[in-house]
Amino acid sequence: MGRVSACPRTSGVGWLLVPRESDGARLTSSDAGVLNGFPAGFPWSGSRSRQFLQAANVVAPQVAAALLAEVAG
């Protein structure tokens, strides 16, 4: 408790690391993908906004694999 950690959140102009540093470090779509378990070079497509939506609207591959392994027995 009492320690601050950074987490991604969406904003009107892109993803920010919270709490914001004085310069408001911005994430790239590649950064957002890496946070969700994708390789750094994953080929996101579309506009910058669409790339972030793709990265955010997923179940992380590691979580999907663990869930499938549990269900499949």
N, C-alpha and C. Protein backbone atom coordinates (compact mmCIF):
# COMPACT_ATOMS: atom_id res chain seq x y z
N MET A 1 0.83 -1.18 0.00
CA MET A 1 0.00 0.00 0.00
C MET A 1 0.87 1.24 0.00
N GLY A 2 0.33 2.31 -0.51
CA GLY A 2 1.04 3.57 -0.51
C GLY A 2 2.02 3.73 -1.65
N ARG A 3 2.20 2.67 -2.46
CA ARG A 3 3.11 2.78 -3.60
C ARG A 3 2.29 3.07 -4.85
N VAL A 4 2.83 3.92 -5.70
CA VAL A 4 2.14 4.29 -6.94
C VAL A 4 2.66 3.41 -8.06
N SER A 5 1.76 2.92 -8.89
CA SER A 5 2.19 2.15 -10.05
C SER A 5 1.58 2.75 -11.30
N ALA A 6 2.23 2.53 -12.42
CA ALA A 6 1.74 3.04 -13.69
C ALA A 6 0.80 2.03 -14.31
N CYS A 7 -0.24 2.49 -14.95
CA CYS A 7 -1.14 1.60 -15.67
C CYS A 7 -1.64 2.34 -16.91
N PRO A 8 -1.90 1.61 -17.98
CA PRO A 8 -2.41 2.29 -19.18
C PRO A 8 -3.88 2.63 -19.01
N ARG A 9 -4.27 3.75 -19.56
CA ARG A 9 -5.68 4.10 -19.62
C ARG A 9 -5.90 4.85 -20.92
N THR A 10 -7.11 4.84 -21.40
CA THR A 10 -7.39 5.55 -22.63
C THR A 10 -7.73 7.00 -22.31
N SER A 11 -7.47 7.84 -23.26
CA SER A 11 -7.87 9.24 -23.15
C SER A 11 -8.38 9.66 -24.51
N GLY A 12 -8.80 10.87 -24.64
CA GLY A 12 -9.30 11.34 -25.92
C GLY A 12 -8.26 11.38 -27.01
N VAL A 13 -6.99 11.43 -26.63
CA VAL A 13 -5.93 11.56 -27.63
C VAL A 13 -4.96 10.39 -27.65
N GLY A 14 -5.19 9.36 -26.89
CA GLY A 14 -4.31 8.21 -26.89
C GLY A 14 -4.17 7.62 -25.50
N TRP A 15 -3.31 6.66 -25.37
CA TRP A 15 -3.10 6.02 -24.08
C TRP A 15 -2.03 6.77 -23.33
N LEU A 16 -2.20 6.90 -22.05
CA LEU A 16 -1.23 7.58 -21.19
C LEU A 16 -0.81 6.63 -20.08
N LEU A 17 0.38 6.84 -19.55
CA LEU A 17 0.77 6.12 -18.36
C LEU A 17 0.30 6.92 -17.17
N VAL A 18 -0.40 6.27 -16.25
CA VAL A 18 -0.93 6.96 -15.08
C VAL A 18 -0.19 6.45 -13.86
N PRO A 19 0.33 7.25 -12.97
CA PRO A 19 0.23 8.70 -12.99
C PRO A 19 1.14 9.31 -14.05
N ARG A 20 0.69 10.40 -14.64
CA ARG A 20 1.43 11.06 -15.69
C ARG A 20 2.68 11.71 -15.13
N GLU A 21 3.76 11.52 -15.84
CA GLU A 21 4.97 12.26 -15.52
C GLU A 21 4.77 13.66 -16.09
N SER A 22 5.70 14.54 -15.84
CA SER A 22 5.53 15.92 -16.29
C SER A 22 5.37 16.01 -17.80
N ASP A 23 5.95 15.07 -18.54
CA ASP A 23 5.82 15.12 -20.00
C ASP A 23 4.69 14.24 -20.52
N GLY A 24 3.98 13.50 -19.64
CA GLY A 24 2.85 12.67 -20.06
C GLY A 24 3.26 11.60 -21.05
N ALA A 25 4.13 10.70 -20.66
CA ALA A 25 4.65 9.66 -21.55
C ALA A 25 3.50 8.94 -22.27
N ARG A 26 3.57 8.88 -23.58
CA ARG A 26 2.52 8.25 -24.38
C ARG A 26 2.96 6.86 -24.84
N LEU A 27 2.01 5.96 -24.88
CA LEU A 27 2.27 4.61 -25.36
C LEU A 27 2.06 4.53 -26.86
N THR A 28 2.80 3.65 -27.49
CA THR A 28 2.55 3.34 -28.90
C THR A 28 1.61 2.14 -28.94
N SER A 29 1.07 1.85 -30.11
CA SER A 29 0.21 0.66 -30.23
C SER A 29 1.02 -0.60 -29.94
N SER A 30 2.30 -0.59 -30.31
CA SER A 30 3.17 -1.72 -30.00
C SER A 30 3.32 -1.89 -28.49
N ASP A 31 3.50 -0.78 -27.76
CA ASP A 31 3.59 -0.83 -26.30
C ASP A 31 2.31 -1.43 -25.71
N ALA A 32 1.17 -0.98 -26.19
CA ALA A 32 -0.11 -1.48 -25.69
C ALA A 32 -0.24 -2.97 -25.95
N GLY A 33 0.20 -3.41 -27.12
CA GLY A 33 0.15 -4.83 -27.44
C GLY A 33 1.06 -5.65 -26.54
N VAL A 34 2.27 -5.14 -26.30
CA VAL A 34 3.21 -5.85 -25.42
C VAL A 34 2.62 -5.99 -24.02
N LEU A 35 1.95 -4.95 -23.53
CA LEU A 35 1.31 -5.03 -22.22
C LEU A 35 0.23 -6.11 -22.17
N ASN A 36 -0.33 -6.45 -23.32
CA ASN A 36 -1.36 -7.49 -23.39
C ASN A 36 -0.82 -8.83 -23.86
N GLY A 37 0.53 -8.96 -23.93
CA GLY A 37 1.13 -10.25 -24.23
C GLY A 37 1.49 -10.50 -25.67
N PHE A 38 1.35 -9.52 -26.54
CA PHE A 38 1.71 -9.69 -27.94
C PHE A 38 3.18 -9.35 -28.15
N PRO A 39 3.83 -9.94 -29.17
CA PRO A 39 5.22 -9.59 -29.43
C PRO A 39 5.35 -8.14 -29.90
N ALA A 40 6.50 -7.53 -29.65
CA ALA A 40 6.71 -6.11 -29.98
C ALA A 40 6.47 -5.82 -31.46
N GLY A 41 6.76 -6.75 -32.33
CA GLY A 41 6.60 -6.51 -33.76
C GLY A 41 5.26 -6.94 -34.33
N PHE A 42 4.26 -7.16 -33.48
CA PHE A 42 2.95 -7.63 -33.97
C PHE A 42 2.40 -6.65 -35.00
N PRO A 43 1.87 -7.14 -36.12
CA PRO A 43 1.43 -6.25 -37.21
C PRO A 43 0.01 -5.69 -37.01
N TRP A 44 -0.14 -4.67 -36.19
CA TRP A 44 -1.43 -4.01 -36.01
C TRP A 44 -1.79 -3.32 -37.32
N SER A 45 -3.06 -3.18 -37.60
CA SER A 45 -3.47 -2.56 -38.87
C SER A 45 -4.48 -1.45 -38.62
N GLY A 46 -4.65 -0.61 -39.62
CA GLY A 46 -5.62 0.48 -39.53
C GLY A 46 -5.01 1.74 -38.95
N SER A 47 -5.88 2.69 -38.63
CA SER A 47 -5.44 3.97 -38.07
C SER A 47 -4.88 3.75 -36.67
N ARG A 48 -4.24 4.77 -36.15
CA ARG A 48 -3.67 4.69 -34.80
C ARG A 48 -4.76 4.34 -33.79
N SER A 49 -5.92 4.98 -33.91
CA SER A 49 -7.03 4.70 -33.00
C SER A 49 -7.47 3.25 -33.10
N ARG A 50 -7.58 2.74 -34.32
CA ARG A 50 -8.00 1.34 -34.52
C ARG A 50 -6.97 0.37 -33.97
N GLN A 51 -5.69 0.72 -34.10
CA GLN A 51 -4.65 -0.14 -33.55
C GLN A 51 -4.78 -0.25 -32.04
N PHE A 52 -5.04 0.87 -31.37
CA PHE A 52 -5.22 0.83 -29.93
C PHE A 52 -6.47 0.05 -29.55
N LEU A 53 -7.54 0.19 -30.31
CA LEU A 53 -8.75 -0.59 -30.02
C LEU A 53 -8.47 -2.08 -30.17
N GLN A 54 -7.71 -2.44 -31.19
CA GLN A 54 -7.36 -3.85 -31.38
C GLN A 54 -6.54 -4.36 -30.19
N ALA A 55 -5.56 -3.58 -29.75
CA ALA A 55 -4.70 -3.99 -28.64
C ALA A 55 -5.47 -4.06 -27.32
N ALA A 56 -6.47 -3.20 -27.16
CA ALA A 56 -7.21 -3.14 -25.90
C ALA A 56 -8.35 -4.15 -25.84
N ASN A 57 -8.90 -4.51 -26.97
CA ASN A 57 -10.09 -5.34 -27.02
C ASN A 57 -9.73 -6.81 -27.26
N VAL A 58 -8.83 -7.34 -26.42
CA VAL A 58 -8.38 -8.72 -26.58
C VAL A 58 -8.33 -9.41 -25.23
N VAL A 59 -8.29 -10.71 -25.29
CA VAL A 59 -7.90 -11.51 -24.14
C VAL A 59 -6.44 -11.85 -24.38
N ALA A 60 -5.59 -11.55 -23.44
CA ALA A 60 -4.15 -11.79 -23.60
C ALA A 60 -3.92 -13.25 -24.00
N PRO A 61 -3.01 -13.50 -24.96
CA PRO A 61 -2.77 -14.86 -25.43
C PRO A 61 -2.46 -15.86 -24.31
N GLN A 62 -1.70 -15.43 -23.31
CA GLN A 62 -1.36 -16.33 -22.21
C GLN A 62 -2.59 -16.70 -21.38
N VAL A 63 -3.49 -15.75 -21.19
CA VAL A 63 -4.73 -16.02 -20.45
C VAL A 63 -5.62 -16.95 -21.25
N ALA A 64 -5.73 -16.70 -22.55
CA ALA A 64 -6.54 -17.57 -23.42
C ALA A 64 -6.00 -19.00 -23.40
N ALA A 65 -4.68 -19.16 -23.48
CA ALA A 65 -4.07 -20.50 -23.47
C ALA A 65 -4.34 -21.22 -22.14
N ALA A 66 -4.21 -20.49 -21.02
CA ALA A 66 -4.45 -21.11 -19.72
C ALA A 66 -5.91 -21.51 -19.57
N LEU A 67 -6.83 -20.67 -20.04
CA LEU A 67 -8.25 -20.97 -19.96
C LEU A 67 -8.58 -22.19 -20.82
N LEU A 68 -8.06 -22.22 -22.03
CA LEU A 68 -8.31 -23.35 -22.92
C LEU A 68 -7.75 -24.65 -22.32
N ALA A 69 -6.56 -24.58 -21.75
CA ALA A 69 -5.96 -25.78 -21.13
C ALA A 69 -6.83 -26.27 -19.97
N GLU A 70 -7.37 -25.34 -19.19
CA GLU A 70 -8.23 -25.73 -18.07
C GLU A 70 -9.52 -26.37 -18.55
N VAL A 71 -10.13 -25.80 -19.56
CA VAL A 71 -11.40 -26.32 -20.09
C VAL A 71 -11.19 -27.65 -20.79
N ALA A 72 -10.10 -27.76 -21.55
CA ALA A 72 -9.84 -28.99 -22.31
C ALA A 72 -9.36 -30.13 -21.42
N GLY A 73 -8.90 -29.78 -20.23
CA GLY A 73 -8.46 -30.82 -19.29
C GLY A 73 -7.07 -31.22 -19.56
